[in-house]
Amino acid sequence: MIERISFLVKKAPKYAKLAWRLARHPELTLKEKSILAGGLLYWASPADFIPGVIPALGQLDDLIVALSSLNYALKKLPPDIRRQELLAVGLEEEEIEDDIRYLKAVAREIAEQTLNFSAKTLGFAGRQATKLMIKGTGFLLRKLIKWSQG
C-alpha cells in the first residue's frame, strides 16, 4: 500500500500541471472550471468533511475530491482534446480513474480497520467496567452485611 501511495505522490506534479492546463482551457465552461477549482480548494482547505488531523483518512478524502474534480473537468473535453491534454503532462486516460478507485479502496480499508479496532476497544472497556461493577457490588454487599451484623 505504501509503495502505491508514494507512487501517487510522485504523480502529483503531473496532476498539478493537468489542473493548471484545464483551468485555462477554452473548451471548458465556467461551471466546469468552478468545479475543478472547488475540488482543488477542498484539497487545500483545512475545513472539510474528514479533517486533516485524522491520520490518513483526512488526506485521502482531500485527494479523492481533488482527483474527482480533475477527472470531471477532463471528461467534459472532447476525446481527442482530452487525450492531447493527458499526453502533454505524461498521463494516460485510465490513470486518474484507477487512482481514484485505489484511493477509495484504501480509505474504505482504513475506515473498516478503525471501526473494528474501535469496536474491540469498546468491547474490552465494557467488559472491564462490568468486572469492576461486579467487584464493587460484592465489596459493598460484604460491607453492608458486616455493618448489619454488628
Protein backbone atom coordinates (compact mmCIF):
# COMPACT_ATOMS: atom_id res chain seq x y z
CA MET A 1 0.00 0.00 0.00
CA ILE A 2 2.78 2.46 0.94
CA GLU A 3 4.50 1.90 -2.42
CA ARG A 4 1.34 2.71 -4.36
CA ILE A 5 0.62 5.80 -2.27
CA SER A 6 4.19 7.05 -2.75
CA PHE A 7 3.80 6.40 -6.48
CA LEU A 8 0.66 8.57 -6.44
CA VAL A 9 2.52 11.30 -4.59
CA LYS A 10 5.21 11.24 -7.27
CA LYS A 11 2.47 11.76 -9.88
CA ALA A 12 1.24 14.90 -8.08
CA PRO A 13 3.24 17.28 -10.33
CA LYS A 14 1.59 15.73 -13.40
CA TYR A 15 -1.84 16.17 -11.86
CA ALA A 16 -1.00 19.75 -10.89
CA LYS A 17 0.10 20.53 -14.46
CA LEU A 18 -3.08 18.96 -15.81
CA ALA A 19 -5.22 21.00 -13.39
CA TRP A 20 -3.43 24.19 -14.47
CA ARG A 21 -3.95 23.37 -18.15
CA LEU A 22 -7.63 22.55 -17.62
CA ALA A 23 -8.26 25.69 -15.56
CA ARG A 24 -7.10 27.76 -18.55
CA HIS A 25 -8.65 25.56 -21.26
CA PRO A 26 -11.03 27.46 -23.59
CA GLU A 27 -13.19 24.35 -24.19
CA LEU A 28 -14.32 24.21 -20.56
CA THR A 29 -17.23 26.29 -19.28
CA LEU A 30 -17.11 28.49 -16.20
CA LYS A 31 -19.17 25.85 -14.34
CA GLU A 32 -16.68 23.09 -15.20
CA LYS A 33 -13.73 25.28 -14.24
CA SER A 34 -15.52 26.19 -10.99
CA ILE A 35 -15.99 22.51 -10.11
CA LEU A 36 -12.30 21.92 -10.82
CA ALA A 37 -11.35 24.90 -8.65
CA GLY A 38 -13.72 23.75 -5.90
CA GLY A 39 -12.08 20.33 -5.77
CA LEU A 40 -8.64 21.87 -5.59
CA LEU A 41 -9.75 24.33 -2.88
CA TYR A 42 -11.25 21.44 -0.91
CA TRP A 43 -7.86 19.71 -1.09
CA ALA A 44 -6.07 22.84 0.13
CA SER A 45 -8.62 23.83 2.76
CA PRO A 46 -8.23 22.76 6.39
CA ALA A 47 -12.03 22.72 6.77
CA ASP A 48 -13.50 19.66 5.12
CA PHE A 49 -15.66 16.57 5.63
CA ILE A 50 -12.87 14.48 7.18
CA PRO A 51 -10.41 16.87 8.89
CA GLY A 52 -6.75 16.54 8.02
CA VAL A 53 -5.91 15.88 11.67
CA ILE A 54 -7.40 12.41 11.27
CA PRO A 55 -4.40 10.41 10.08
CA ALA A 56 -4.57 9.04 6.54
CA LEU A 57 -8.34 9.41 6.06
CA GLY A 58 -8.10 13.19 6.36
CA GLN A 59 -5.63 13.30 3.50
CA LEU A 60 -7.25 10.58 1.38
CA ASP A 61 -10.62 12.31 1.17
CA ASP A 62 -8.87 15.50 0.01
CA LEU A 63 -7.06 13.61 -2.74
CA ILE A 64 -10.21 11.78 -3.81
CA VAL A 65 -12.17 15.03 -4.13
CA ALA A 66 -9.34 16.82 -5.95
CA LEU A 67 -8.79 13.96 -8.43
CA SER A 68 -12.54 13.53 -8.94
CA SER A 69 -12.97 17.21 -9.81
CA LEU A 70 -9.98 16.97 -12.15
CA ASN A 71 -11.49 13.88 -13.78
CA TYR A 72 -14.87 15.62 -14.08
CA ALA A 73 -13.37 18.58 -15.94
CA LEU A 74 -11.27 16.29 -18.11
CA LYS A 75 -14.34 14.23 -19.12
CA LYS A 76 -16.04 17.41 -20.34
CA LEU A 77 -13.44 17.79 -23.10
CA PRO A 78 -13.89 16.09 -26.48
CA PRO A 79 -11.99 12.75 -26.55
CA ASP A 80 -9.24 13.94 -28.93
CA ILE A 81 -8.52 17.07 -26.86
CA ARG A 82 -8.69 15.03 -23.65
CA ARG A 83 -6.02 12.63 -24.98
CA GLN A 84 -3.89 15.57 -26.10
CA GLU A 85 -4.04 17.21 -22.65
CA LEU A 86 -3.18 13.95 -20.89
CA LEU A 87 -0.32 13.27 -23.28
CA ALA A 88 1.04 16.78 -22.67
CA VAL A 89 1.52 16.01 -18.95
CA GLY A 90 2.50 12.35 -19.30
CA LEU A 91 -0.68 10.70 -18.08
CA GLU A 92 -3.00 8.11 -19.60
CA GLU A 93 -6.77 8.28 -19.58
CA GLU A 94 -7.32 5.33 -17.25
CA GLU A 95 -4.79 6.51 -14.67
CA ILE A 96 -6.97 9.08 -12.94
CA GLU A 97 -9.93 6.74 -12.54
CA ASP A 98 -7.63 3.92 -11.40
CA ASP A 99 -6.04 6.23 -8.84
CA ILE A 100 -9.43 7.40 -7.58
CA ARG A 101 -10.64 3.79 -7.25
CA TYR A 102 -7.46 2.83 -5.42
CA LEU A 103 -7.68 5.77 -3.00
CA LYS A 104 -11.32 4.94 -2.25
CA ALA A 105 -10.40 1.31 -1.56
CA VAL A 106 -7.58 2.37 0.78
CA ALA A 107 -9.87 4.81 2.58
CA ARG A 108 -12.54 2.11 2.93
CA GLU A 109 -9.97 -0.37 4.29
CA ILE A 110 -8.61 2.14 6.81
CA ALA A 111 -12.14 3.07 7.92
CA GLU A 112 -13.08 -0.61 8.37
CA GLN A 113 -9.92 -1.31 10.37
CA THR A 114 -10.55 1.75 12.51
CA LEU A 115 -14.15 0.69 13.18
CA ASN A 116 -13.08 -2.86 14.02
CA PHE A 117 -10.41 -1.60 16.40
CA SER A 118 -12.89 0.82 17.99
CA ALA A 119 -15.46 -1.94 18.44
CA LYS A 120 -12.86 -4.24 20.04
CA THR A 121 -11.67 -1.42 22.30
CA LEU A 122 -15.21 -0.56 23.38
CA GLY A 123 -15.97 -4.24 23.98
CA PHE A 124 -12.87 -4.60 26.14
CA ALA A 125 -13.70 -1.41 28.05
CA GLY A 126 -17.26 -2.64 28.60
CA ARG A 127 -16.06 -6.00 29.94
CA GLN A 128 -13.62 -4.29 32.29
CA ALA A 129 -16.30 -1.90 33.53
CA THR A 130 -18.64 -4.84 34.16
CA LYS A 131 -15.96 -6.66 36.16
CA LEU A 132 -15.34 -3.54 38.24
CA MET A 133 -19.05 -3.11 38.88
CA ILE A 134 -19.39 -6.74 39.98
CA LYS A 135 -16.38 -6.45 42.28
CA GLY A 136 -17.65 -3.15 43.64
CA THR A 137 -21.11 -4.53 44.24
CA GLY A 138 -19.67 -7.55 46.05
CA PHE A 139 -17.49 -5.28 48.18
CA LEU A 140 -20.47 -3.11 49.11
CA LEU A 141 -22.62 -6.15 49.92
CA ARG A 142 -19.94 -7.55 52.21
CA LYS A 143 -19.65 -4.17 53.98
CA LEU A 144 -23.43 -3.96 54.36
CA ILE A 145 -23.61 -7.47 55.77
CA LYS A 146 -20.82 -6.72 58.29
CA TRP A 147 -22.47 -3.46 59.24
CA SER A 148 -25.88 -5.05 59.69
CA GLN A 149 -24.43 -7.84 61.86
CA GLY A 150 -22.72 -5.73 64.13
